[in-house]
C-alpha atoms as a PDB file:
ATOM      1  CA  UNK A   1      -2.387   4.308  13.684  1.00  0.00           C
ATOM      2  CA  UNK A   2       1.237   3.387  12.921  1.00  0.00           C
ATOM      3  CA  UNK A   3       1.644   6.397  10.590  1.00  0.00           C
ATOM      4  CA  UNK A   4       3.357   8.226  13.485  1.00  0.00           C
ATOM      5  CA  UNK A   5       6.181   5.716  13.972  1.00  0.00           C
ATOM      6  CA  UNK A   6       8.745   8.300  12.825  1.00  0.00           C
ATOM      7  CA  UNK A   7       7.675  10.748  15.528  1.00  0.00           C
ATOM      8  CA  UNK A   8       8.102   8.086  18.220  1.00  0.00           C
ATOM      9  CA  UNK A   9      11.589   7.228  16.942  1.00  0.00           C
ATOM     10  CA  UNK A  10      12.536  10.934  16.802  1.00  0.00           C
ATOM     11  CA  UNK A  11      11.516  11.342  20.453  1.00  0.00           C
ATOM     12  CA  UNK A  12      13.672   8.390  21.485  1.00  0.00           C
ATOM     13  CA  UNK A  13      16.637   9.679  19.481  1.00  0.00           C
ATOM     14  CA  UNK A  14      16.335  13.111  21.095  1.00  0.00           C
ATOM     15  CA  UNK A  15      16.738  11.430  24.497  1.00  0.00           C
ATOM     16  CA  UNK A  16      19.997   9.775  23.404  1.00  0.00           C
ATOM     17  CA  UNK A  17      22.191  12.884  23.587  1.00  0.00           C
ATOM     18  CA  UNK A  18      23.507  12.565  20.050  1.00  0.00           C
ATOM     19  CA  UNK A  19      26.643  14.407  18.881  1.00  0.00           C
ATOM     20  CA  UNK A  20      26.128  18.046  17.847  1.00  0.00           C
ATOM     21  CA  UNK A  21      26.665  17.258  14.158  1.00  0.00           C
ATOM     22  CA  UNK A  22      23.579  14.994  14.217  1.00  0.00           C
ATOM     23  CA  UNK A  23      20.317  16.861  13.783  1.00  0.00           C
ATOM     24  CA  UNK A  24      17.030  15.102  14.554  1.00  0.00           C
ATOM     25  CA  UNK A  25      14.026  16.577  12.744  1.00  0.00           C
ATOM     26  CA  UNK A  26      10.366  15.635  12.798  1.00  0.00           C
ATOM     27  CA  UNK A  27       9.615  16.066   9.107  1.00  0.00           C
ATOM     28  CA  UNK A  28       5.877  15.986   9.698  1.00  0.00           C
ATOM     29  CA  UNK A  29       3.627  15.228   6.777  1.00  0.00           C
ATOM     30  CA  UNK A  30       4.595  18.027   4.396  1.00  0.00           C
ATOM     31  CA  UNK A  31       7.513  16.633   2.425  1.00  0.00           C
ATOM     32  CA  UNK A  32       7.850  19.855   0.383  1.00  0.00           C
ATOM     33  CA  UNK A  33       9.244  21.554   3.488  1.00  0.00           C
ATOM     34  CA  UNK A  34      12.119  19.053   3.343  1.00  0.00           C
ATOM     35  CA  UNK A  35      13.381  20.289  -0.051  1.00  0.00           C
ATOM     36  CA  UNK A  36      16.098  22.593   1.355  1.00  0.00           C
ATOM     37  CA  UNK A  37      17.174  19.912   3.819  1.00  0.00           C
ATOM     38  CA  UNK A  38      17.912  17.499   0.958  1.00  0.00           C
ATOM     39  CA  UNK A  39      20.196  20.128  -0.532  1.00  0.00           C
ATOM     40  CA  UNK A  40      21.892  21.360   2.645  1.00  0.00           C
ATOM     41  CA  UNK A  41      22.730  18.102   4.444  1.00  0.00           C
ATOM     42  CA  UNK A  42      25.255  15.403   3.575  1.00  0.00           C
ATOM     43  CA  UNK A  43      23.210  12.475   4.816  1.00  0.00           C
ATOM     44  CA  UNK A  44      19.561  11.995   5.737  1.00  0.00           C
ATOM     45  CA  UNK A  45      17.900   9.046   7.446  1.00  0.00           C
ATOM     46  CA  UNK A  46      14.129   9.000   7.034  1.00  0.00           C
ATOM     47  CA  UNK A  47      11.933   6.972   9.398  1.00  0.00           C
ATOM     48  CA  UNK A  48       8.431   6.117   8.225  1.00  0.00           C
ATOM     49  CA  UNK A  49       5.725   3.497   7.965  1.00  0.00           C
ATOM     50  CA  UNK A  50       6.398   1.488   4.793  1.00  0.00           C
ATOM     51  CA  UNK A  51       3.992  -1.011   3.268  1.00  0.00           C
ATOM     52  CA  UNK A  52       6.435  -3.605   2.003  1.00  0.00           C
ATOM     53  CA  UNK A  53       4.218  -6.661   2.211  1.00  0.00           C
ATOM     54  CA  UNK A  54       5.776  -8.103   5.375  1.00  0.00           C
ATOM     55  CA  UNK A  55       4.362  -8.840   8.793  1.00  0.00           C
ATOM     56  CA  UNK A  56       3.348  -5.834  10.919  1.00  0.00           C
ATOM     57  CA  UNK A  57       6.469  -4.554  12.669  1.00  0.00           C
ATOM     58  CA  UNK A  58       8.915  -5.769   9.994  1.00  0.00           C
ATOM     59  CA  UNK A  59      11.803  -3.289   9.672  1.00  0.00           C
ATOM     60  CA  UNK A  60      13.217  -2.364   6.260  1.00  0.00           C
ATOM     61  CA  UNK A  61      16.303  -0.457   5.113  1.00  0.00           C
ATOM     62  CA  UNK A  62      15.650   1.043   1.703  1.00  0.00           C
ATOM     63  CA  UNK A  63      17.341   3.600  -0.514  1.00  0.00           C
ATOM     64  CA  UNK A  64      15.387   5.935  -2.815  1.00  0.00           C
ATOM     65  CA  UNK A  65      17.089   4.233  -5.758  1.00  0.00           C
ATOM     66  CA  UNK A  66      15.609   0.893  -4.679  1.00  0.00           C
ATOM     67  CA  UNK A  67      12.161   2.464  -4.421  1.00  0.00           C
ATOM     68  CA  UNK A  68      12.502   4.000  -7.870  1.00  0.00           C
ATOM     69  CA  UNK A  69      13.448   0.663  -9.480  1.00  0.00           C
ATOM     70  CA  UNK A  70      10.953  -1.521  -7.582  1.00  0.00           C
ATOM     71  CA  UNK A  71       7.757  -0.059  -8.977  1.00  0.00           C
ATOM     72  CA  UNK A  72       5.616  -2.922  -7.676  1.00  0.00           C
ATOM     73  CA  UNK A  73       6.581  -2.225  -4.072  1.00  0.00           C
ATOM     74  CA  UNK A  74       3.698  -0.596  -2.196  1.00  0.00           C
ATOM     75  CA  UNK A  75       4.594   2.692  -0.549  1.00  0.00           C
ATOM     76  CA  UNK A  76       3.174   4.855   2.159  1.00  0.00           C
ATOM     77  CA  UNK A  77       1.919   8.277   1.132  1.00  0.00           C
ATOM     78  CA  UNK A  78       5.049   9.807   2.647  1.00  0.00           C
ATOM     79  CA  UNK A  79       7.432   7.882   0.401  1.00  0.00           C
ATOM     80  CA  UNK A  80       5.609   8.904  -2.756  1.00  0.00           C
ATOM     81  CA  UNK A  81       5.965  12.560  -1.736  1.00  0.00           C
ATOM     82  CA  UNK A  82       9.507  11.925  -0.574  1.00  0.00           C
ATOM     83  CA  UNK A  83      10.564  10.616  -3.985  1.00  0.00           C
ATOM     84  CA  UNK A  84       8.953  13.602  -5.696  1.00  0.00           C
ATOM     85  CA  UNK A  85      10.767  16.080  -3.446  1.00  0.00           C
ATOM     86  CA  UNK A  86      14.049  14.208  -3.820  1.00  0.00           C
ATOM     87  CA  UNK A  87      13.612  14.339  -7.609  1.00  0.00           C
ATOM     88  CA  UNK A  88      13.049  18.102  -7.451  1.00  0.00           C
ATOM     89  CA  UNK A  89      16.099  18.545  -5.234  1.00  0.00           C
ATOM     90  CA  UNK A  90      18.227  16.560  -7.708  1.00  0.00           C
ATOM     91  CA  UNK A  91      17.179  18.922 -10.498  1.00  0.00           C
ATOM     92  CA  UNK A  92      18.415  21.865  -8.423  1.00  0.00           C
ATOM     93  CA  UNK A  93      21.834  20.392  -7.656  1.00  0.00           C
ATOM     94  CA  UNK A  94      23.642  17.852  -5.485  1.00  0.00           C
ATOM     95  CA  UNK A  95      21.551  16.164  -2.801  1.00  0.00           C
ATOM     96  CA  UNK A  96      22.159  14.307   0.418  1.00  0.00           C
ATOM     97  CA  UNK A  97      22.660  10.573   0.651  1.00  0.00           C
ATOM     98  CA  UNK A  98      19.257   9.256   1.758  1.00  0.00           C
ATOM     99  CA  UNK A  99      18.394   6.047   3.606  1.00  0.00           C
ATOM    100  CA  UNK A 100      14.850   5.112   4.589  1.00  0.00           C
ATOM    101  CA  UNK A 101      14.258   2.912   7.612  1.00  0.00           C
ATOM    102  CA  UNK A 102      10.694   1.748   7.378  1.00  0.00           C
ATOM    103  CA  UNK A 103       8.407  -0.221   9.633  1.00  0.00           C
ATOM    104  CA  UNK A 104       5.583  -2.337   8.230  1.00  0.00           C
ATOM    105  CA  UNK A 105       2.376  -0.896   9.675  1.00  0.00           C
ATOM    106  CA  UNK A 106      -0.464  -3.008  10.983  1.00  0.00           C
ATOM    107  CA  UNK A 107      -2.893  -0.246  10.086  1.00  0.00           C
ATOM    108  CA  UNK A 108      -2.374   3.107   8.371  1.00  0.00           C
ATOM    109  CA  UNK A 109      -4.514   5.957   9.568  1.00  0.00           C
ATOM    110  CA  UNK A 110      -3.679   9.403  10.867  1.00  0.00           C
ATOM    111  CA  UNK A 111      -2.761   9.672  14.494  1.00  0.00           C
ATOM    112  CA  UNK A 112       0.061   9.144  16.935  1.00  0.00           C
ATOM    113  CA  UNK A 113      -1.005   5.789  18.350  1.00  0.00           C
ATOM    114  CA  UNK A 114       1.020   2.734  17.420  1.00  0.00           C
ATOM    115  CA  UNK A 115      -0.109  -0.862  17.226  1.00  0.00           C
ATOM    116  CA  UNK A 116       1.675  -3.188  19.682  1.00  0.00           C
ATOM    117  CA  UNK A 117       3.587  -4.775  16.773  1.00  0.00           C
ATOM    118  CA  UNK A 118       5.005  -1.432  15.653  1.00  0.00           C
ATOM    119  CA  UNK A 119       5.483  -0.002  19.161  1.00  0.00           C
ATOM    120  CA  UNK A 120       7.763  -2.889  20.129  1.00  0.00           C
ATOM    121  CA  UNK A 121       9.974  -2.165  17.091  1.00  0.00           C
ATOM    122  CA  UNK A 122      10.683   1.472  18.022  1.00  0.00           C
ATOM    123  CA  UNK A 123      13.864   0.497  19.963  1.00  0.00           C
ATOM    124  CA  UNK A 124      14.961  -1.673  17.007  1.00  0.00           C
ATOM    125  CA  UNK A 125      14.550   1.290  14.645  1.00  0.00           C
ATOM    126  CA  UNK A 126      16.435   3.579  17.045  1.00  0.00           C
ATOM    127  CA  UNK A 127      19.324   1.084  17.039  1.00  0.00           C
ATOM    128  CA  UNK A 128      19.188   0.880  13.231  1.00  0.00           C
ATOM    129  CA  UNK A 129      19.498   4.679  13.025  1.00  0.00           C
ATOM    130  CA  UNK A 130      22.417   4.672  15.462  1.00  0.00           C
ATOM    131  CA  UNK A 131      24.090   1.968  13.387  1.00  0.00           C
ATOM    132  CA  UNK A 132      23.613   4.034  10.208  1.00  0.00           C
ATOM    133  CA  UNK A 133      25.279   6.925  12.040  1.00  0.00           C
ATOM    134  CA  UNK A 134      28.128   4.745  13.296  1.00  0.00           C
ATOM    135  CA  UNK A 135      26.989   5.344  16.893  1.00  0.00           C
ATOM    136  CA  UNK A 136      25.697   1.911  17.835  1.00  0.00           C
ATOM    137  CA  UNK A 137      26.183   1.019  21.460  1.00  0.00           C
ATOM    138  CA  UNK A 138      26.748   4.603  22.561  1.00  0.00           C
END
């Protein structure tokens, strides 16, 4: 439960009719497959469940640099893998600018269901992504 928040946001973004230069990808659970994407894109916005210590449904905007310096901050399994892959990509050359928009889960377990607290934040996260892209209100 709540681990699939990124998939729900991706589905909503795909319905928005985004400009052709914006690519929406469901990164799944295998962050290693994202390695070439970190090298080939200019900017990446990652959506995931993030255990930041807030109330279920709290929305966070975090950079990888913040995650690397805040070692006490709890992370979802995806972020740990994400930082590892980003580190590998950096060793291979220039990498994309990365922003993580996270949602505090009520419960982390595999599956596509969302708790009511997280489900009601999906539109908020979609708007946050559009704002990051400079497309808010479109």
